[in-house]
Protein backbone atom coordinates (compact mmCIF):
# COMPACT_ATOMS: atom_id res chain seq x y z
CA UNK A 1 0.00 0.00 0.00
CA UNK A 2 2.87 2.36 0.76
CA UNK A 3 4.25 2.05 -2.73
CA UNK A 4 0.77 2.54 -4.24
CA UNK A 5 0.50 5.91 -2.54
CA UNK A 6 3.96 6.99 -3.56
CA UNK A 7 5.85 6.80 -0.27
CA UNK A 8 8.57 8.76 -1.97
CA UNK A 9 7.32 11.68 -4.06
CA UNK A 10 10.15 13.34 -5.96
CA UNK A 11 12.65 11.90 -3.46
CA UNK A 12 10.79 13.30 -0.40
CA UNK A 13 9.25 10.99 2.20
CA UNK A 14 5.49 11.25 2.59
CA UNK A 15 4.11 12.08 6.07
CA UNK A 16 3.19 8.94 7.95
CA UNK A 17 -0.12 10.44 9.11
CA UNK A 18 -0.98 11.56 5.59
CA UNK A 19 -0.11 8.15 4.19
CA UNK A 20 -2.20 6.36 6.82
CA UNK A 21 -5.17 8.67 6.30
CA UNK A 22 -4.90 8.32 2.54
CA UNK A 23 -4.77 4.53 2.80
CA UNK A 24 -7.91 4.46 4.96
CA UNK A 25 -9.79 6.82 2.66
CA UNK A 26 -8.68 4.84 -0.38
CA UNK A 27 -9.92 1.59 1.16
CA UNK A 28 -13.28 3.12 2.12
CA UNK A 29 -13.94 4.87 -1.20
CA UNK A 30 -12.75 1.93 -3.26
CA UNK A 31 -14.89 -0.57 -1.32
CA UNK A 32 -17.95 1.67 -1.51
CA UNK A 33 -17.42 2.20 -5.24
CA UNK A 34 -17.12 -1.54 -5.86
CA UNK A 35 -20.30 -2.29 -3.89
CA UNK A 36 -22.24 0.53 -5.56
CA UNK A 37 -21.18 -0.43 -9.08
CA UNK A 38 -21.80 -4.13 -8.43
CA UNK A 39 -25.34 -3.33 -7.27
CA UNK A 40 -25.99 -1.58 -10.59
CA UNK A 41 -24.01 -3.90 -12.84
CA UNK A 42 -25.22 -4.99 -16.22
CA UNK A 43 -27.01 -2.48 -18.37
CA UNK A 44 -29.46 -2.31 -21.22
CA UNK A 45 -28.46 -4.39 -24.30
CA UNK A 46 -28.39 -2.12 -27.33
CA UNK A 47 -28.28 -2.63 -31.11
CA UNK A 48 -24.64 -2.92 -32.16
CA UNK A 49 -23.67 -5.39 -29.44
CA UNK A 50 -23.04 -3.07 -26.52
CA UNK A 51 -24.83 -2.26 -23.24
CA UNK A 52 -26.11 1.09 -22.02
CA UNK A 53 -24.65 1.92 -18.60
CA UNK A 54 -27.13 2.21 -15.75
CA UNK A 55 -25.37 5.45 -14.77
CA UNK A 56 -27.31 7.33 -17.44
CA UNK A 57 -30.74 5.85 -16.68
CA UNK A 58 -33.26 6.72 -13.99
CA UNK A 59 -34.84 4.10 -11.79
CA UNK A 60 -38.68 3.77 -11.91
CA UNK A 61 -40.20 6.69 -10.03
CA UNK A 62 -36.86 8.47 -9.63
CA UNK A 63 -36.78 12.18 -10.36
CA UNK A 64 -34.14 13.75 -12.57
CA UNK A 65 -32.76 15.69 -9.59
CA UNK A 66 -32.36 12.58 -7.42
CA UNK A 67 -30.82 10.66 -10.33
CA UNK A 68 -28.31 13.47 -10.87
CA UNK A 69 -27.51 13.57 -7.14
CA UNK A 70 -26.95 9.80 -7.10
CA UNK A 71 -24.67 10.04 -10.12
CA UNK A 72 -22.62 12.84 -8.55
CA UNK A 73 -22.26 10.88 -5.31
CA UNK A 74 -21.09 7.83 -7.23
CA UNK A 75 -18.79 9.95 -9.39
CA UNK A 76 -17.21 11.66 -6.38
CA UNK A 77 -16.57 8.34 -4.63
CA UNK A 78 -15.12 6.89 -7.80
CA UNK A 79 -12.84 9.85 -8.49
CA UNK A 80 -11.67 9.93 -4.87
CA UNK A 81 -10.72 6.25 -5.06
CA UNK A 82 -9.02 6.68 -8.43
CA UNK A 83 -7.10 9.87 -7.63
CA UNK A 84 -6.13 9.31 -3.98
CA UNK A 85 -2.88 7.44 -4.75
CA UNK A 86 -1.49 10.37 -6.75
CA UNK A 87 -3.28 13.02 -4.64
CA UNK A 88 -1.45 11.85 -1.51
CA UNK A 89 1.89 12.49 -3.24
CA UNK A 90 0.74 16.01 -4.25
CA UNK A 91 -0.51 16.78 -0.74
CA UNK A 92 2.81 15.62 0.66
CA UNK A 93 4.63 18.19 -1.49
CA UNK A 94 2.12 20.83 -0.41
CA UNK A 95 2.74 20.09 3.27
CA UNK A 96 6.48 20.12 2.75
CA UNK A 97 6.26 23.55 1.12
CA UNK A 98 4.14 24.85 4.00
CA UNK A 99 6.76 23.66 6.48
CA UNK A 100 9.43 25.53 4.55
CA UNK A 101 7.40 28.69 5.06
CA UNK A 102 7.30 28.04 8.80
CA UNK A 103 3.79 26.56 9.06
CA UNK A 104 3.23 23.87 11.68
CA UNK A 105 -0.56 23.40 11.75
CA UNK A 106 -1.05 21.41 8.58
CA UNK A 107 -4.18 19.29 9.10
CA UNK A 108 -6.78 21.94 8.19
CA UNK A 109 -5.02 23.39 5.11
CA UNK A 110 -4.33 19.84 3.87
CA UNK A 111 -8.01 18.93 4.23
CA UNK A 112 -9.14 22.14 2.49
CA UNK A 113 -6.66 21.63 -0.33
CA UNK A 114 -7.94 18.07 -0.85
CA UNK A 115 -11.55 19.32 -0.72
CA UNK A 116 -10.84 21.94 -3.38
CA UNK A 117 -9.20 19.31 -5.57
CA UNK A 118 -12.22 16.98 -5.30
CA UNK A 119 -14.62 19.89 -5.88
CA UNK A 120 -13.12 20.34 -9.34
CA UNK A 121 -13.70 16.68 -10.16
CA UNK A 122 -17.27 16.97 -8.85
CA UNK A 123 -17.83 19.88 -11.24
CA UNK A 124 -16.56 17.70 -14.09
CA UNK A 125 -19.14 15.06 -13.16
CA UNK A 126 -21.87 17.71 -13.04
CA UNK A 127 -20.98 18.71 -16.61
CA UNK A 128 -20.78 15.11 -17.85
CA UNK A 129 -24.10 13.91 -16.45
CA UNK A 130 -26.53 15.94 -18.60
CA UNK A 131 -24.41 15.23 -21.68
CA UNK A 132 -24.45 11.50 -20.93
CA UNK A 133 -28.20 11.48 -20.32
CA UNK A 134 -28.80 13.37 -23.56
CA UNK A 135 -26.66 10.99 -25.64
CA UNK A 136 -28.12 7.91 -23.92
CA UNK A 137 -31.65 9.09 -24.66
CA UNK A 138 -30.77 9.74 -28.31
CA UNK A 139 -29.25 6.26 -28.65
CA UNK A 140 -32.35 4.62 -27.14
CA UNK A 141 -34.59 6.49 -29.59
CA UNK A 142 -32.51 5.87 -32.72
CA UNK A 143 -31.36 2.41 -33.81
CA UNK A 144 -28.84 3.70 -36.34
CA UNK A 145 -27.30 5.94 -33.71
CA UNK A 146 -27.13 3.01 -31.27
CA UNK A 147 -25.36 0.91 -33.88
CA UNK A 148 -22.82 3.70 -34.40
CA UNK A 149 -21.84 3.80 -30.71
CA UNK A 150 -19.10 1.11 -30.88
CA UNK A 151 -17.38 2.94 -33.74
CA UNK A 152 -17.77 6.25 -31.89
CA UNK A 153 -16.31 4.64 -28.75
CA UNK A 154 -13.36 3.43 -30.78
CA UNK A 155 -12.84 6.90 -32.22
CA UNK A 156 -12.81 8.46 -28.73
CA UNK A 157 -10.28 5.85 -27.57
CA UNK A 158 -8.06 6.64 -30.56
CA UNK A 159 -8.23 10.35 -29.77
CA UNK A 160 -7.50 9.65 -26.10
CA UNK A 161 -4.49 7.59 -27.12
CA UNK A 162 -3.24 10.35 -29.38
CA UNK A 163 -3.66 12.85 -26.55
CA UNK A 164 -1.41 10.72 -24.33
CA UNK A 165 1.41 11.10 -26.86
CA UNK A 166 1.28 14.86 -27.33
CA UNK A 167 3.88 17.27 -25.91
CA UNK A 168 0.98 19.20 -24.33
CA UNK A 169 0.04 16.10 -22.30
CA UNK A 170 3.64 15.62 -21.18
CA UNK A 171 3.81 19.27 -20.10
CA UNK A 172 0.60 18.86 -18.06
CA UNK A 173 2.02 15.69 -16.54
CA UNK A 174 5.18 17.49 -15.48
CA UNK A 175 3.09 20.25 -13.88
CA UNK A 176 1.08 17.66 -11.96
CA UNK A 177 4.18 15.79 -10.79
CA UNK A 178 5.71 19.09 -9.66
CA UNK A 179 2.33 20.12 -8.30
CA UNK A 180 3.28 23.36 -6.57
CA UNK A 181 5.20 24.79 -9.51
CA UNK A 182 1.91 25.73 -11.20
CA UNK A 183 0.13 27.11 -8.14
CA UNK A 184 2.35 29.85 -6.77
CA UNK A 185 3.32 30.28 -3.14
CA UNK A 186 1.51 27.76 -0.89
CA UNK A 187 -0.95 29.30 1.58
CA UNK A 188 -2.02 27.85 4.91
CA UNK A 189 -5.10 30.05 5.43
CA UNK A 190 -8.47 28.55 4.58
CA UNK A 191 -9.14 30.48 1.38
CA UNK A 192 -5.57 30.02 0.17
CA UNK A 193 -5.58 26.26 0.78
CA UNK A 194 -8.96 25.93 -0.98
CA UNK A 195 -7.69 27.85 -4.02
CA UNK A 196 -4.55 25.71 -4.05
CA UNK A 197 -6.75 22.63 -4.23
CA UNK A 198 -8.82 24.12 -7.04
CA UNK A 199 -5.68 24.83 -9.06
CA UNK A 200 -4.32 21.36 -8.45
CA UNK A 201 -7.66 19.87 -9.48
CA UNK A 202 -7.79 21.91 -12.66
CA UNK A 203 -4.26 20.85 -13.62
CA UNK A 204 -5.12 17.23 -12.85
CA UNK A 205 -8.27 17.36 -15.01
CA UNK A 206 -6.30 18.70 -17.95
CA UNK A 207 -3.60 16.08 -17.50
CA UNK A 208 -6.08 13.18 -17.18
CA UNK A 209 -8.48 14.32 -19.91
CA UNK A 210 -7.63 11.47 -22.28
CA UNK A 211 -7.80 8.71 -19.69
CA UNK A 212 -11.04 10.02 -18.16
CA UNK A 213 -12.61 10.30 -21.63
CA UNK A 214 -11.68 6.65 -22.19
CA UNK A 215 -13.29 5.69 -18.87
CA UNK A 216 -16.51 7.54 -19.70
CA UNK A 217 -16.97 5.86 -23.08
CA UNK A 218 -15.98 2.42 -21.79
CA UNK A 219 -18.43 2.74 -18.89
CA UNK A 220 -18.26 4.88 -15.78
CA UNK A 221 -19.50 1.91 -13.73
CA UNK A 222 -17.17 -0.65 -15.34
CA UNK A 223 -14.86 -1.80 -12.55
CA UNK A 224 -12.27 -3.18 -14.98
CA UNK A 225 -12.04 0.13 -16.82
CA UNK A 226 -11.82 1.99 -13.48
CA UNK A 227 -8.99 -0.25 -12.33
CA UNK A 228 -6.99 0.14 -15.53
CA UNK A 229 -7.41 3.92 -15.62
CA UNK A 230 -6.46 4.17 -11.94
CA UNK A 231 -3.27 2.19 -12.55
CA UNK A 232 -2.40 4.35 -15.59
CA UNK A 233 -2.99 7.65 -13.75
CA UNK A 234 -1.06 6.55 -10.66
CA UNK A 235 1.85 5.11 -12.64
CA UNK A 236 2.40 8.22 -14.74
CA UNK A 237 2.26 10.42 -11.61
CA UNK A 238 4.47 8.55 -9.16
CA UNK A 239 6.69 6.24 -11.20
CA UNK A 240 10.24 7.28 -12.15
CA UNK A 241 9.33 6.89 -15.86
CA UNK A 242 6.35 9.17 -16.55
CA UNK A 243 7.01 9.65 -20.29
CA UNK A 244 7.22 5.92 -21.16
CA UNK A 245 4.16 5.20 -18.99
CA UNK A 246 2.10 7.90 -20.74
CA UNK A 247 3.20 6.62 -24.14
CA UNK A 248 2.44 3.01 -23.24
CA UNK A 249 -1.08 3.91 -22.09
CA UNK A 250 -1.56 5.89 -25.31
CA UNK A 251 -0.60 2.88 -27.43
CA UNK A 252 -2.90 0.61 -25.42
CA UNK A 253 -5.75 3.07 -25.98
CA UNK A 254 -5.07 2.91 -29.72
CA UNK A 255 -5.23 -0.89 -29.64
CA UNK A 256 -8.51 -0.75 -27.68
CA UNK A 257 -9.93 1.84 -30.07
CA UNK A 258 -9.14 -0.24 -33.14
CA UNK A 259 -10.67 -3.29 -31.46
CA UNK A 260 -13.90 -1.38 -30.79
CA UNK A 261 -14.10 -0.17 -34.37
CA UNK A 262 -13.40 -3.64 -35.78
CA UNK A 263 -15.78 -5.55 -33.49
CA UNK A 264 -18.66 -7.34 -35.25
CA UNK A 265 -22.23 -6.09 -34.97
C-alpha cells in the first residue's frame, strides 16, 4: 500500500499520518465504489452489441434531480478512489512547502486543499451527467445511432491515445508531478488552501483528460475500466518513468480503439 500511494514523491518521504489517512480513505472509497457499481451492474443491451450503462438511466419513479444527485455521489466516490494514490503524493509536497514557510498546523489546510481538488472533479461530473443522459436518450430512440456507438467509442479511444502522446500532455504531466510549480506560493489560510486545491484539481483534469474520456466511453461503472485507468494515472504520476508510462497507455488506448471499431455487430 505504501508504494501505491507513492511513499517517496520526488525523493521526499510522505508524512506517515498523511499516508495512513490516505490509505484508509482509499480503502473506504474503493470498497464503496465496488459495492455501488456491483449493485448496478449490467445495463441495457443495445443494437450494435453493446450495453447502455445504468449510470445514465433513472430508476422507476426516480426524479431527474435525485438521479443526478446519485450520479454525482457515485462519481465523487469513484474519483476519490481513483485519484487518492497520486493526490497523496501532491498533498505531501504541499505540506512540505508549507513547512518551509514556517507553518506547523497542517491538518486543516491539507483537508481544504484536498476538498478543493475533489470539488473540481465533482464539477466535471456535473458537466458530464446531462451530456451523458442526452446521448443515452438519443441512442435509445434511434437504432442507427445506437449501432454507431461502438465505432464512436473506438474513435474516442483513438483520440484519447493520441492525446497521451502529445507534448501538451507531457507538459501537463510534469506540472502535476511538480504540483506546486503551477500554483504559486503555498498558503495555509483557509481560502488560500482551498484555491490551491482548485488549481491542483484543474491541472489534474487537464492532464487526465484522455484517460477520463476513455473511462466515460468504456463505462463509468465498469470496474475493470476503473482499475486500468487508476493504474495508468497513478503510474504516470508517481513512477520514475512518466514519459514511457504515458506513451504506453496511449498505445494501449489505440489498440482498444481499433478493437472497438473492428468488433462485429
